[in-house]
C-alpha atoms as a PDB file:
ATOM      1  CA  UNK A   1     -46.093 -49.300  46.792  1.00  0.00           C
ATOM      2  CA  UNK A   2     -45.401 -49.170  43.361  1.00  0.00           C
ATOM      3  CA  UNK A   3     -42.315 -49.386  41.059  1.00  0.00           C
ATOM      4  CA  UNK A   4     -42.375 -47.684  37.629  1.00  0.00           C
ATOM      5  CA  UNK A   5     -39.728 -49.549  35.507  1.00  0.00           C
ATOM      6  CA  UNK A   6     -38.687 -48.538  31.609  1.00  0.00           C
ATOM      7  CA  UNK A   7     -38.384 -51.113  28.919  1.00  0.00           C
ATOM      8  CA  UNK A   8     -34.407 -51.738  29.886  1.00  0.00           C
ATOM      9  CA  UNK A   9     -35.699 -52.749  33.372  1.00  0.00           C
ATOM     10  CA  UNK A  10     -34.556 -50.005  35.119  1.00  0.00           C
ATOM     11  CA  UNK A  11     -36.702 -48.767  38.273  1.00  0.00           C
ATOM     12  CA  UNK A  12     -37.477 -45.098  37.534  1.00  0.00           C
ATOM     13  CA  UNK A  13     -39.940 -44.065  40.064  1.00  0.00           C
ATOM     14  CA  UNK A  14     -41.523 -45.312  43.123  1.00  0.00           C
ATOM     15  CA  UNK A  15     -44.777 -44.396  44.501  1.00  0.00           C
ATOM     16  CA  UNK A  16     -47.433 -45.024  46.849  1.00  0.00           C
ATOM     17  CA  UNK A  17     -50.113 -45.519  44.125  1.00  0.00           C
ATOM     18  CA  UNK A  18     -50.887 -45.991  40.753  1.00  0.00           C
ATOM     19  CA  UNK A  19     -51.910 -42.215  40.122  1.00  0.00           C
ATOM     20  CA  UNK A  20     -48.184 -41.131  41.449  1.00  0.00           C
ATOM     21  CA  UNK A  21     -46.450 -43.192  39.155  1.00  0.00           C
ATOM     22  CA  UNK A  22     -48.881 -42.208  35.999  1.00  0.00           C
ATOM     23  CA  UNK A  23     -48.198 -38.424  37.178  1.00  0.00           C
ATOM     24  CA  UNK A  24     -44.398 -39.473  36.662  1.00  0.00           C
ATOM     25  CA  UNK A  25     -44.636 -40.680  33.329  1.00  0.00           C
ATOM     26  CA  UNK A  26     -46.862 -37.606  32.116  1.00  0.00           C
ATOM     27  CA  UNK A  27     -44.090 -35.173  33.897  1.00  0.00           C
ATOM     28  CA  UNK A  28     -40.918 -36.800  31.879  1.00  0.00           C
ATOM     29  CA  UNK A  29     -43.206 -37.125  28.574  1.00  0.00           C
ATOM     30  CA  UNK A  30     -42.608 -41.324  28.630  1.00  0.00           C
ATOM     31  CA  UNK A  31     -44.453 -43.789  26.743  1.00  0.00           C
ATOM     32  CA  UNK A  32     -46.340 -45.965  28.952  1.00  0.00           C
ATOM     33  CA  UNK A  33     -46.342 -48.861  26.545  1.00  0.00           C
ATOM     34  CA  UNK A  34     -42.708 -49.037  27.297  1.00  0.00           C
ATOM     35  CA  UNK A  35     -43.032 -48.968  31.214  1.00  0.00           C
ATOM     36  CA  UNK A  36     -44.247 -51.357  33.440  1.00  0.00           C
ATOM     37  CA  UNK A  37     -45.720 -50.993  37.156  1.00  0.00           C
ATOM     38  CA  UNK A  38     -45.084 -53.532  39.900  1.00  0.00           C
ATOM     39  CA  UNK A  39     -45.706 -53.888  43.279  1.00  0.00           C
ATOM     40  CA  UNK A  40     -42.646 -53.275  45.711  1.00  0.00           C
ATOM     41  CA  UNK A  41     -43.123 -55.010  49.194  1.00  0.00           C
ATOM     42  CA  UNK A  42     -42.447 -52.064  51.805  1.00  0.00           C
ATOM     43  CA  UNK A  43     -39.554 -53.522  53.743  1.00  0.00           C
ATOM     44  CA  UNK A  44     -39.224 -54.228  57.233  1.00  0.00           C
ATOM     45  CA  UNK A  45     -36.501 -52.650  59.405  1.00  0.00           C
ATOM     46  CA  UNK A  46     -34.450 -55.507  61.089  1.00  0.00           C
ATOM     47  CA  UNK A  47     -33.325 -55.100  64.597  1.00  0.00           C
ATOM     48  CA  UNK A  48     -29.245 -54.048  65.339  1.00  0.00           C
ATOM     49  CA  UNK A  49     -27.690 -55.858  67.720  1.00  0.00           C
ATOM     50  CA  UNK A  50     -24.628 -53.706  69.218  1.00  0.00           C
ATOM     51  CA  UNK A  51     -21.518 -55.656  69.578  1.00  0.00           C
ATOM     52  CA  UNK A  52     -20.522 -55.699  73.358  1.00  0.00           C
ATOM     53  CA  UNK A  53     -17.051 -56.792  74.246  1.00  0.00           C
ATOM     54  CA  UNK A  54     -16.281 -59.355  77.373  1.00  0.00           C
ATOM     55  CA  UNK A  55     -14.849 -57.891  80.624  1.00  0.00           C
ATOM     56  CA  UNK A  56     -11.078 -58.069  80.181  1.00  0.00           C
ATOM     57  CA  UNK A  57     -11.210 -58.403  76.330  1.00  0.00           C
ATOM     58  CA  UNK A  58      -8.484 -55.998  74.879  1.00  0.00           C
ATOM     59  CA  UNK A  59      -7.937 -54.691  71.292  1.00  0.00           C
ATOM     60  CA  UNK A  60      -4.813 -55.768  69.786  1.00  0.00           C
ATOM     61  CA  UNK A  61      -3.291 -54.250  67.160  1.00  0.00           C
END
C-alpha cells in the first residue's frame, strides 16, 4: 500500500500500487515534483476482549 503526500506533508491519497497514486495526481492536476510516495504498512487488526462482570458485582451510581 502506498501513500501520496503533498508538499505540506498531508496524506492526499492511499492506493494499492504506484499506478493508482499516479492516476490520482493526473486526475487532480497535481505536480508529481511536489508530492512524495511512501510505503504504508497494512494495519493488523487487534483482538478485542470483552469486559466481563464478576457474579454479584453491582453497578454503583
